[in-house]
Protein backbone atom coordinates (compact mmCIF):
# COMPACT_ATOMS: atom_id res chain seq x y z
CA UNK A 1 119.41 16.92 155.24
CA UNK A 2 119.41 17.03 151.27
CA UNK A 3 116.25 18.03 149.60
CA UNK A 4 116.03 17.00 145.48
CA UNK A 5 114.88 20.06 143.69
CA UNK A 6 112.26 19.18 141.25
CA UNK A 7 112.01 21.46 138.04
CA UNK A 8 109.55 21.90 135.63
CA UNK A 9 106.48 20.58 137.53
CA UNK A 10 103.62 22.66 137.84
CA UNK A 11 101.59 21.88 141.20
CA UNK A 12 98.06 23.74 141.13
CA UNK A 13 95.50 23.90 143.67
CA UNK A 14 92.58 24.27 141.61
CA UNK A 15 90.18 24.84 144.66
CA UNK A 16 92.33 27.83 145.85
CA UNK A 17 92.66 29.40 142.42
CA UNK A 18 88.78 29.22 142.07
CA UNK A 19 88.57 30.93 145.50
CA UNK A 20 91.26 33.73 144.43
CA UNK A 21 88.81 34.39 141.23
CA UNK A 22 85.89 34.91 143.35
CA UNK A 23 87.79 37.16 145.55
CA UNK A 24 88.71 39.09 142.73
CA UNK A 25 85.24 39.08 141.21
CA UNK A 26 84.36 40.59 144.55
CA UNK A 27 86.82 43.07 144.64
CA UNK A 28 85.97 44.22 141.36
CA UNK A 29 82.06 44.56 142.35
CA UNK A 30 83.14 46.22 145.54
CA UNK A 31 85.30 48.71 144.01
CA UNK A 32 82.44 49.74 141.47
CA UNK A 33 79.70 49.82 143.99
CA UNK A 34 78.17 53.13 144.83
CA UNK A 35 77.45 52.07 148.60
CA UNK A 36 79.56 51.65 151.44
CA UNK A 37 79.25 47.89 151.56
CA UNK A 38 77.89 45.34 149.15
CA UNK A 39 74.19 43.70 150.19
CA UNK A 40 74.40 39.99 150.61
CA UNK A 41 71.87 39.90 147.34
CA UNK A 42 74.61 41.89 145.23
CA UNK A 43 77.38 39.43 146.51
CA UNK A 44 75.20 36.29 145.88
CA UNK A 45 74.82 38.04 142.35
CA UNK A 46 78.38 38.68 141.80
CA UNK A 47 79.33 34.90 142.95
CA UNK A 48 76.57 33.37 140.61
CA UNK A 49 74.94 32.05 143.68
CA UNK A 50 71.25 31.51 144.06
CA UNK A 51 69.37 30.30 147.38
CA UNK A 52 66.91 27.02 147.21
CA UNK A 53 63.81 28.84 146.99
CA UNK A 54 65.49 30.47 143.83
CA UNK A 55 66.41 27.49 142.29
CA UNK A 56 63.00 25.73 142.96
CA UNK A 57 61.51 28.94 141.09
CA UNK A 58 63.67 28.52 138.25
CA UNK A 59 62.72 24.85 137.85
CA UNK A 60 59.05 25.71 137.76
CA UNK A 61 59.80 27.75 134.78
CA UNK A 62 60.90 25.31 132.98
């Protein structure tokens, strides 16, 4: 079986790249943290995640 080599073609998985970036952010935050583990709130903060309740509170302020 012969397989043709494709050169000069870049294949990127944007979802995988985003996940790698988020993991990097968590690693940086964990290494800078004074406590043994990051709290769930801190993880949400690092990943820029908010709960539905927090989103609704933000909408009420607008």
